């Protein structure tokens, strides 16, 4: 695939002064003269605040939404594009995806996930009872992570196979192909063999995910996720699969990342080939998303991926299309959703690309400074090609960034939220 090269332009701007209330407004939907000006009109005998916004090629008075109650200049939700317009398709679809609609056959993201954990021993790496305690701790942590990330929508029920039914690989690590192999090495046939042997003794019925896990080792390590179904790398069953080995066996954040594949059908957001970064224009999202880098002091799942998972309500998405100048107030991505709050601004560029802004405040899974994160999703880049690219992180009022003729200007940032303006340039 030929990659289009783009260039990031940073600019600094002065925060716009809040528009004064003006006289002469006649009512919602009527013509106005200046974008951003506000007024008070009578609606059913009740005083109602309205704002002048661009609707198509015209300027119209629109009611200020309840989500803008801390600042009257915020563009009303009714003046924005329908949320459905920002649900871009994945034009490089596979068994996992960065677009809508979501792939079929995966477990529900809105219920308790049933997971079976099957330990496996090798002649040179036995799995012990003390190892199981580390695995149980890992699941406690990953349950807390996804309970917070899903805003309480999802949790885990974890069942550990009886020790009499633990898997035996029947040889050493090297004899089973688990050492001296790259990250993309196919281990699905090994997984399916152990599952078949386990099913001869016990049942996998009713489970959404099965994880096969080794003891920990500093000599090797890695984790592989397999989709449900009969695809080339699938489990061959109705459940998704994860194989966690060596140094990754007891890592909760690695497990959280692999669940992003096997459960949520999300793509890897890093480059499989090291030279891909140089030809991509913008850098990958990196540590700003669990599916980019799952280690370090930032482990949040990004807003776009949460929306794909069904955890961000449509009413919390502010969809913008080309041509309008709009203002937005966002609450932190990490905090509990409210009926009046918004989590993301999504600016549609095409049927397969959007620019996103979301507020990353300091939290249990983000120890970095609070920033307005700006990134770009382009589904013409597939799994391992960087479909989600970092653009900028703005932390100071008065700073701005321009990407694809879209200017995002940060006007206010505090613990409660961020206020910013989005406009078209060029």
Protein backbone atom coordinates (compact mmCIF):
# COMPACT_ATOMS: atom_id res chain seq x y z
CA UNK A 1 0.00 0.00 0.00
CA UNK A 2 1.26 3.46 -0.84
CA UNK A 3 1.17 5.78 2.12
CA UNK A 4 0.17 9.41 1.67
CA UNK A 5 2.54 11.79 3.42
CA UNK A 6 0.99 14.51 5.54
CA UNK A 7 2.58 17.26 7.60
CA UNK A 8 1.69 18.50 11.06
CA UNK A 9 1.51 22.27 11.53
CA UNK A 10 1.49 23.70 15.02
CA UNK A 11 0.24 27.19 15.69
CA UNK A 12 -0.45 29.35 18.70
CA UNK A 13 -3.60 31.39 18.97
CA UNK A 14 -5.20 33.70 21.49
CA UNK A 15 -8.36 32.41 23.23
CA UNK A 16 -11.47 34.00 21.82
CA UNK A 17 -13.37 36.26 24.16
CA UNK A 18 -16.80 34.97 25.11
CA UNK A 19 -19.46 36.55 22.90
CA UNK A 20 -21.78 39.09 24.52
CA UNK A 21 -25.54 38.71 24.52
CA UNK A 22 -27.00 40.58 21.54
CA UNK A 23 -30.39 42.09 20.89
CA UNK A 24 -32.57 41.45 17.86
CA UNK A 25 -32.77 37.67 17.94
CA UNK A 26 -36.22 36.57 16.82
CA UNK A 27 -36.21 32.85 17.60
CA UNK A 28 -34.66 29.40 17.16
CA UNK A 29 -33.92 28.64 13.52
CA UNK A 30 -34.07 32.28 12.44
CA UNK A 31 -31.22 34.04 10.63
CA UNK A 32 -28.40 35.63 12.66
CA UNK A 33 -25.36 37.71 11.67
CA UNK A 34 -22.28 36.69 13.71
CA UNK A 35 -21.08 33.18 14.58
CA UNK A 36 -20.70 32.72 18.33
CA UNK A 37 -22.99 35.55 19.41
CA UNK A 38 -25.64 34.64 21.97
CA UNK A 39 -29.08 35.98 22.80
CA UNK A 40 -32.15 35.28 24.89
CA UNK A 41 -35.48 34.62 23.10
CA UNK A 42 -38.94 33.52 24.19
CA UNK A 43 -39.79 29.86 23.53
CA UNK A 44 -43.30 28.83 24.69
CA UNK A 45 -43.27 31.87 26.94
CA UNK A 46 -39.96 30.88 28.58
CA UNK A 47 -36.67 32.79 28.27
CA UNK A 48 -34.25 30.57 26.31
CA UNK A 49 -30.59 31.17 25.51
CA UNK A 50 -29.62 30.77 21.84
CA UNK A 51 -26.36 30.93 19.92
CA UNK A 52 -25.54 31.96 16.36
CA UNK A 53 -24.04 28.95 14.53
CA UNK A 54 -23.29 28.04 10.94
CA UNK A 55 -25.81 25.56 9.52
CA UNK A 56 -24.78 24.58 6.01
CA UNK A 57 -24.12 27.91 4.26
CA UNK A 58 -26.36 29.93 6.54
CA UNK A 59 -26.13 31.41 10.06
CA UNK A 60 -28.97 30.37 12.37
CA UNK A 61 -29.97 30.85 16.01
CA UNK A 62 -29.82 27.51 17.88
CA UNK A 63 -30.69 26.69 21.48
CA UNK A 64 -27.72 26.31 23.83
CA UNK A 65 -27.70 22.73 25.12
CA UNK A 66 -27.66 21.73 28.77
CA UNK A 67 -24.13 20.35 28.37
CA UNK A 68 -22.89 23.91 27.83
CA UNK A 69 -24.23 25.21 31.13
CA UNK A 70 -20.76 26.30 32.31
CA UNK A 71 -20.16 28.35 29.18
CA UNK A 72 -22.85 29.86 26.98
CA UNK A 73 -20.60 29.89 23.92
CA UNK A 74 -20.59 26.09 23.53
CA UNK A 75 -22.31 25.02 20.32
CA UNK A 76 -25.66 23.36 20.94
CA UNK A 77 -25.89 19.65 20.20
CA UNK A 78 -28.82 20.38 17.89
CA UNK A 79 -26.49 22.44 15.67
CA UNK A 80 -24.04 19.57 15.22
CA UNK A 81 -24.18 16.72 12.73
CA UNK A 82 -26.01 13.51 13.71
CA UNK A 83 -23.72 11.16 15.60
CA UNK A 84 -24.39 8.46 13.02
CA UNK A 85 -22.55 10.54 10.40
CA UNK A 86 -19.27 10.06 12.27
CA UNK A 87 -19.45 6.27 12.37
CA UNK A 88 -16.90 5.69 9.62
CA UNK A 89 -16.51 2.32 7.94
CA UNK A 90 -13.35 0.23 7.94
CA UNK A 91 -12.22 0.00 4.31
CA UNK A 92 -9.52 -2.57 5.18
CA UNK A 93 -11.82 -4.98 7.05
CA UNK A 94 -10.78 -8.29 8.54
CA UNK A 95 -11.66 -10.31 11.61
CA UNK A 96 -10.76 -7.23 13.67
CA UNK A 97 -11.53 -3.62 12.81
CA UNK A 98 -11.13 0.08 13.64
CA UNK A 99 -14.48 1.08 12.13
CA UNK A 100 -18.21 0.47 12.06
CA UNK A 101 -20.13 -1.80 11.97
CA UNK A 102 -18.36 -4.12 14.39
CA UNK A 103 -17.31 -7.62 13.28
CA UNK A 104 -19.74 -10.47 13.96
CA UNK A 105 -19.17 -13.40 16.28
CA UNK A 106 -17.49 -11.69 19.23
CA UNK A 107 -18.74 -11.79 22.85
CA UNK A 108 -21.03 -9.03 24.08
CA UNK A 109 -19.24 -6.03 25.54
CA UNK A 110 -22.18 -5.11 27.74
CA UNK A 111 -22.32 -8.06 30.13
CA UNK A 112 -20.15 -10.12 32.47
CA UNK A 113 -17.49 -11.90 30.41
CA UNK A 114 -16.99 -15.60 31.27
CA UNK A 115 -13.32 -16.58 31.04
CA UNK A 116 -11.75 -20.02 31.43
CA UNK A 117 -8.06 -20.06 32.42
CA UNK A 118 -6.13 -23.20 31.44
CA UNK A 119 -2.53 -23.45 32.76
CA UNK A 120 0.01 -25.40 30.67
CA UNK A 121 3.29 -27.08 31.63
CA UNK A 122 6.41 -27.89 29.60
CA UNK A 123 9.26 -30.20 30.50
CA UNK A 124 11.47 -27.16 31.09
CA UNK A 125 8.77 -24.82 32.49
CA UNK A 126 6.19 -26.47 34.78
CA UNK A 127 3.16 -24.51 35.99
CA UNK A 128 2.74 -24.57 39.78
CA UNK A 129 0.09 -23.71 42.38
CA UNK A 130 2.02 -20.56 43.32
CA UNK A 131 1.93 -19.49 39.65
CA UNK A 132 -1.86 -19.68 39.80
CA UNK A 133 -1.92 -17.07 42.59
CA UNK A 134 -0.13 -14.61 40.28
CA UNK A 135 -2.64 -15.32 37.51
CA UNK A 136 -5.54 -14.71 39.89
CA UNK A 137 -4.01 -11.38 40.89
CA UNK A 138 -3.69 -10.51 37.19
CA UNK A 139 -7.41 -11.09 36.64
CA UNK A 140 -8.33 -9.01 39.67
CA UNK A 141 -6.42 -6.09 38.15
CA UNK A 142 -7.79 -6.53 34.63
CA UNK A 143 -11.34 -6.75 35.99
CA UNK A 144 -10.86 -3.41 37.80
CA UNK A 145 -9.42 -1.90 34.62
CA UNK A 146 -12.29 -2.86 32.34
CA UNK A 147 -14.93 -2.08 34.94
CA UNK A 148 -13.57 1.51 34.97
CA UNK A 149 -12.94 1.69 31.22
CA UNK A 150 -16.46 0.51 30.34
CA UNK A 151 -18.04 2.91 32.89
CA UNK A 152 -19.41 -0.11 34.74
CA UNK A 153 -20.88 -1.87 31.68
CA UNK A 154 -18.53 -4.90 31.67
CA UNK A 155 -16.82 -7.17 34.20
CA UNK A 156 -15.32 -10.67 34.41
CA UNK A 157 -16.28 -14.05 35.82
CA UNK A 158 -13.07 -16.07 35.80
CA UNK A 159 -13.00 -19.87 36.18
CA UNK A 160 -9.72 -21.72 36.68
CA UNK A 161 -9.45 -25.23 35.26
CA UNK A 162 -9.17 -28.01 37.83
CA UNK A 163 -5.50 -28.85 38.39
CA UNK A 164 -6.14 -32.45 37.28
CA UNK A 165 -7.06 -31.06 33.85
CA UNK A 166 -4.19 -28.63 33.39
CA UNK A 167 -2.60 -28.94 29.96
CA UNK A 168 0.69 -30.72 29.32
CA UNK A 169 2.43 -29.55 26.17
CA UNK A 170 4.31 -32.85 25.85
CA UNK A 171 7.79 -31.45 25.39
CA UNK A 172 10.01 -28.43 25.90
CA UNK A 173 9.34 -24.80 25.01
CA UNK A 174 11.55 -24.95 21.94
CA UNK A 175 10.02 -28.26 20.79
CA UNK A 176 6.63 -26.53 20.86
CA UNK A 177 7.88 -23.49 18.93
CA UNK A 178 7.48 -20.95 21.73
CA UNK A 179 11.05 -19.64 21.81
CA UNK A 180 13.07 -17.74 19.20
CA UNK A 181 9.97 -16.59 17.32
CA UNK A 182 8.78 -13.08 16.41
CA UNK A 183 5.70 -11.30 17.76
CA UNK A 184 3.58 -12.22 14.74
CA UNK A 185 4.48 -15.93 14.85
CA UNK A 186 1.34 -18.06 14.49
CA UNK A 187 0.64 -20.01 17.68
CA UNK A 188 -3.01 -20.75 16.93
CA UNK A 189 -2.39 -24.41 15.98
CA UNK A 190 -0.65 -24.97 19.34
CA UNK A 191 -3.62 -23.34 21.11
CA UNK A 192 -6.20 -25.42 19.23
CA UNK A 193 -4.31 -28.66 20.01
CA UNK A 194 -4.34 -27.99 23.75
CA UNK A 195 -8.03 -27.02 23.64
CA UNK A 196 -8.91 -30.29 21.89
CA UNK A 197 -7.01 -32.26 24.53
CA UNK A 198 -8.77 -30.36 27.32
CA UNK A 199 -12.20 -30.90 25.76
CA UNK A 200 -11.59 -34.66 25.82
CA UNK A 201 -11.63 -34.36 29.64
CA UNK A 202 -13.82 -31.34 30.38
CA UNK A 203 -16.11 -28.78 28.71
CA UNK A 204 -15.53 -25.32 27.29
CA UNK A 205 -19.25 -24.69 26.81
CA UNK A 206 -20.53 -21.32 28.00
CA UNK A 207 -17.19 -19.49 27.99
CA UNK A 208 -16.58 -16.29 26.03
CA UNK A 209 -12.79 -16.37 26.26
CA UNK A 210 -10.28 -19.14 27.04
CA UNK A 211 -6.77 -18.16 28.10
CA UNK A 212 -3.95 -20.69 28.04
CA UNK A 213 -1.14 -19.46 30.30
CA UNK A 214 2.39 -20.67 31.07
CA UNK A 215 4.53 -20.03 34.11
CA UNK A 216 6.62 -16.86 34.05
CA UNK A 217 10.10 -16.86 32.54
CA UNK A 218 12.68 -14.17 31.92
CA UNK A 219 14.09 -16.07 28.92
CA UNK A 220 11.16 -15.51 26.57
CA UNK A 221 7.67 -14.05 26.53
CA UNK A 222 4.75 -12.85 24.50
CA UNK A 223 1.01 -13.04 24.14
CA UNK A 224 -1.23 -13.88 21.20
CA UNK A 225 -4.95 -13.32 20.75
CA UNK A 226 -7.14 -15.44 18.49
CA UNK A 227 -10.60 -14.50 17.25
CA UNK A 228 -13.58 -16.81 17.65
CA UNK A 229 -14.53 -18.83 14.60
CA UNK A 230 -12.83 -20.75 11.83
CA UNK A 231 -10.61 -18.08 10.25
CA UNK A 232 -6.96 -18.97 9.58
CA UNK A 233 -5.82 -17.82 13.04
CA UNK A 234 -9.10 -18.42 14.85
CA UNK A 235 -9.79 -20.70 17.79
CA UNK A 236 -12.05 -22.97 15.73
CA UNK A 237 -14.66 -22.50 18.46
CA UNK A 238 -17.33 -19.99 19.43
CA UNK A 239 -15.03 -18.36 22.01
CA UNK A 240 -12.01 -16.13 21.57
CA UNK A 241 -8.59 -17.28 22.72
CA UNK A 242 -5.45 -15.87 24.35
CA UNK A 243 -2.08 -17.54 24.77
CA UNK A 244 0.07 -15.80 27.43
CA UNK A 245 3.65 -17.01 27.78
CA UNK A 246 6.87 -16.41 29.69
CA UNK A 247 7.49 -12.82 30.70
CA UNK A 248 3.96 -11.80 29.68
CA UNK A 249 2.19 -14.59 31.58
CA UNK A 250 1.48 -12.60 34.75
CA UNK A 251 1.11 -9.12 33.19
CA UNK A 252 -2.40 -7.67 33.63
CA UNK A 253 -1.85 -4.88 31.11
CA UNK A 254 -0.69 -7.37 28.46
CA UNK A 255 -3.82 -9.42 29.14
CA UNK A 256 -5.93 -6.25 28.87
CA UNK A 257 -4.36 -5.55 25.46
CA UNK A 258 -4.98 -9.09 24.18
CA UNK A 259 -8.59 -8.92 25.37
CA UNK A 260 -8.83 -5.85 23.15
CA UNK A 261 -8.35 -8.27 20.24
CA UNK A 262 -10.09 -11.47 21.35
CA UNK A 263 -13.08 -9.76 22.99
CA UNK A 264 -13.42 -6.24 21.54
CA UNK A 265 -12.16 -7.02 17.98
CA UNK A 266 -9.74 -4.07 18.08
CA UNK A 267 -6.64 -3.69 15.92
CA UNK A 268 -3.00 -3.30 16.96
CA UNK A 269 -2.14 0.40 16.75
CA UNK A 270 1.62 -0.02 16.43
CA UNK A 271 3.59 -0.80 13.26
CA UNK A 272 4.46 -4.43 12.57
CA UNK A 273 7.32 -3.24 10.33
CA UNK A 274 9.79 -0.73 11.78
CA UNK A 275 10.11 1.14 8.47
CA UNK A 276 6.35 1.79 8.41
CA UNK A 277 6.72 4.71 10.81
CA UNK A 278 8.88 6.63 8.34
CA UNK A 279 6.33 6.46 5.52
CA UNK A 280 3.22 7.16 7.55
CA UNK A 281 3.22 10.95 7.91
CA UNK A 282 2.04 11.13 11.53
CA UNK A 283 3.36 8.92 14.33
CA UNK A 284 1.25 6.13 15.76
CA UNK A 285 -0.84 6.80 18.87
CA UNK A 286 1.68 4.99 21.08
CA UNK A 287 1.14 5.10 24.83
CA UNK A 288 -2.04 7.18 24.47
CA UNK A 289 -3.99 3.97 23.76
CA UNK A 290 -3.85 0.50 25.33
CA UNK A 291 -3.85 -1.02 21.82
CA UNK A 292 -0.72 0.97 20.97
CA UNK A 293 1.53 0.50 24.00
CA UNK A 294 0.16 -1.29 27.07
CA UNK A 295 3.08 -0.56 29.42
CA UNK A 296 4.27 2.64 31.10
CA UNK A 297 2.30 5.29 32.96
CA UNK A 298 -0.50 5.61 30.35
CA UNK A 299 -2.77 2.60 29.87
CA UNK A 300 -6.12 4.15 28.96
CA UNK A 301 -8.19 2.76 26.14
CA UNK A 302 -8.84 5.67 23.79
CA UNK A 303 -12.24 7.24 23.25
CA UNK A 304 -12.58 5.96 19.68
CA UNK A 305 -11.97 2.38 20.79
CA UNK A 306 -14.40 2.81 23.69
CA UNK A 307 -17.02 3.99 21.23
CA UNK A 308 -16.33 0.96 19.02
CA UNK A 309 -16.81 -1.21 22.12
CA UNK A 310 -20.20 0.38 22.79
CA UNK A 311 -19.18 2.03 26.05
CA UNK A 312 -19.62 5.68 25.07
CA UNK A 313 -23.20 6.74 24.48
CA UNK A 314 -24.10 8.49 21.23
CA UNK A 315 -25.28 11.46 23.29
CA UNK A 316 -21.70 11.85 24.56
CA UNK A 317 -20.28 12.19 21.02
CA UNK A 318 -20.11 15.62 19.35
CA UNK A 319 -20.03 14.98 15.60
CA UNK A 320 -18.80 17.80 13.36
CA UNK A 321 -18.70 17.97 9.57
CA UNK A 322 -16.78 20.35 7.33
CA UNK A 323 -17.70 24.01 7.13
CA UNK A 324 -18.89 24.90 10.61
CA UNK A 325 -17.02 26.73 13.36
CA UNK A 326 -18.01 25.15 16.64
CA UNK A 327 -17.13 25.24 20.33
CA UNK A 328 -17.02 22.20 22.57
CA UNK A 329 -16.86 21.41 26.27
CA UNK A 330 -15.64 17.91 27.18
CA UNK A 331 -15.45 16.15 30.51
CA UNK A 332 -12.52 13.81 31.24
CA UNK A 333 -12.59 10.55 29.31
CA UNK A 334 -11.92 8.64 32.52
CA UNK A 335 -14.84 9.95 34.58
CA UNK A 336 -18.29 8.41 34.79
CA UNK A 337 -20.58 9.41 31.93
CA UNK A 338 -23.30 11.92 32.70
CA UNK A 339 -26.44 12.68 30.73
CA UNK A 340 -25.29 16.24 30.09
CA UNK A 341 -21.57 15.59 29.57
CA UNK A 342 -19.62 14.92 26.37
CA UNK A 343 -16.60 12.63 25.94
CA UNK A 344 -15.37 13.23 22.38
CA UNK A 345 -15.43 15.63 19.49
CA UNK A 346 -15.29 13.72 16.20
CA UNK A 347 -14.64 15.75 13.03
CA UNK A 348 -15.49 13.79 9.89
CA UNK A 349 -12.95 14.14 7.07
CA UNK A 350 -14.20 11.39 4.76
CA UNK A 351 -16.09 8.11 4.77
CA UNK A 352 -13.01 6.44 6.30
CA UNK A 353 -11.22 9.14 8.31
CA UNK A 354 -11.92 11.44 11.27
CA UNK A 355 -10.05 13.78 13.59
CA UNK A 356 -10.80 13.29 17.28
CA UNK A 357 -10.30 15.45 20.36
CA UNK A 358 -10.78 14.09 23.89
CA UNK A 359 -9.76 15.17 27.38
CA UNK A 360 -7.16 12.93 29.05
CA UNK A 361 -7.13 14.00 32.69
CA UNK A 362 -4.87 12.42 35.29
CA UNK A 363 -6.45 9.20 36.56
CA UNK A 364 -5.65 5.74 37.87
CA UNK A 365 -4.64 4.65 34.35
CA UNK A 366 -3.18 7.94 33.14
CA UNK A 367 -0.37 9.28 35.31
CA UNK A 368 0.69 11.84 32.70
CA UNK A 369 -0.31 15.51 32.78
CA UNK A 370 -3.87 16.40 31.83
CA UNK A 371 -4.09 17.22 28.12
CA UNK A 372 -6.52 17.71 25.25
CA UNK A 373 -5.47 14.82 23.01
CA UNK A 374 -5.91 15.21 19.25
CA UNK A 375 -5.57 12.19 16.98
CA UNK A 376 -6.62 10.92 13.57
CA UNK A 377 -8.34 7.66 12.63
CA UNK A 378 -7.90 6.49 9.04
CA UNK A 379 -9.20 3.02 8.26
CA UNK A 380 -7.38 2.86 4.93
CA UNK A 381 -4.51 1.74 7.18
CA UNK A 382 -5.11 -1.76 8.48
CA UNK A 383 -4.07 -3.90 11.43
CA UNK A 384 -0.41 -3.25 12.24
CA UNK A 385 -0.22 -0.29 9.82
CA UNK A 386 -1.19 2.44 12.30
CA UNK A 387 -4.88 3.20 11.69
CA UNK A 388 -4.85 5.61 14.66
CA UNK A 389 -2.24 8.40 14.54
CA UNK A 390 -1.15 10.90 17.16
CA UNK A 391 -1.48 14.57 16.18
CA UNK A 392 -0.94 16.67 19.34
CA UNK A 393 -1.62 16.99 23.05
CA UNK A 394 -2.55 20.51 24.15
CA UNK A 395 -2.18 21.46 27.80
CA UNK A 396 -2.18 25.25 27.82
CA UNK A 397 -4.96 27.65 26.96
CA UNK A 398 -4.12 29.63 23.83
CA UNK A 399 -2.37 26.78 22.00
CA UNK A 400 -3.75 25.18 18.86
CA UNK A 401 -3.03 22.62 16.17
CA UNK A 402 -3.92 22.38 12.48
CA UNK A 403 -4.40 19.02 10.78
CA UNK A 404 -6.07 18.32 7.44
CA UNK A 405 -7.35 21.93 7.29
CA UNK A 406 -8.99 21.55 10.70
CA UNK A 407 -7.89 23.94 13.45
CA UNK A 408 -8.42 22.98 17.09
CA UNK A 409 -7.82 25.81 19.57
CA UNK A 410 -7.70 25.14 23.31
CA UNK A 411 -9.39 27.93 25.29
CA UNK A 412 -9.71 26.56 28.80
CA UNK A 413 -8.54 23.49 30.72
CA UNK A 414 -9.10 22.49 34.34
CA UNK A 415 -9.96 19.39 36.36
CA UNK A 416 -13.61 19.54 35.35
CA UNK A 417 -13.11 19.72 31.59
CA UNK A 418 -11.74 21.42 28.49
CA UNK A 419 -13.21 24.15 26.27
CA UNK A 420 -11.98 24.43 22.68
CA UNK A 421 -12.95 25.75 19.26
CA UNK A 422 -12.92 23.80 15.99
CA UNK A 423 -12.76 25.62 12.64
CA UNK A 424 -11.86 24.99 9.01
CA UNK A 425 -8.80 26.72 7.53
CA UNK A 426 -7.33 27.00 4.10
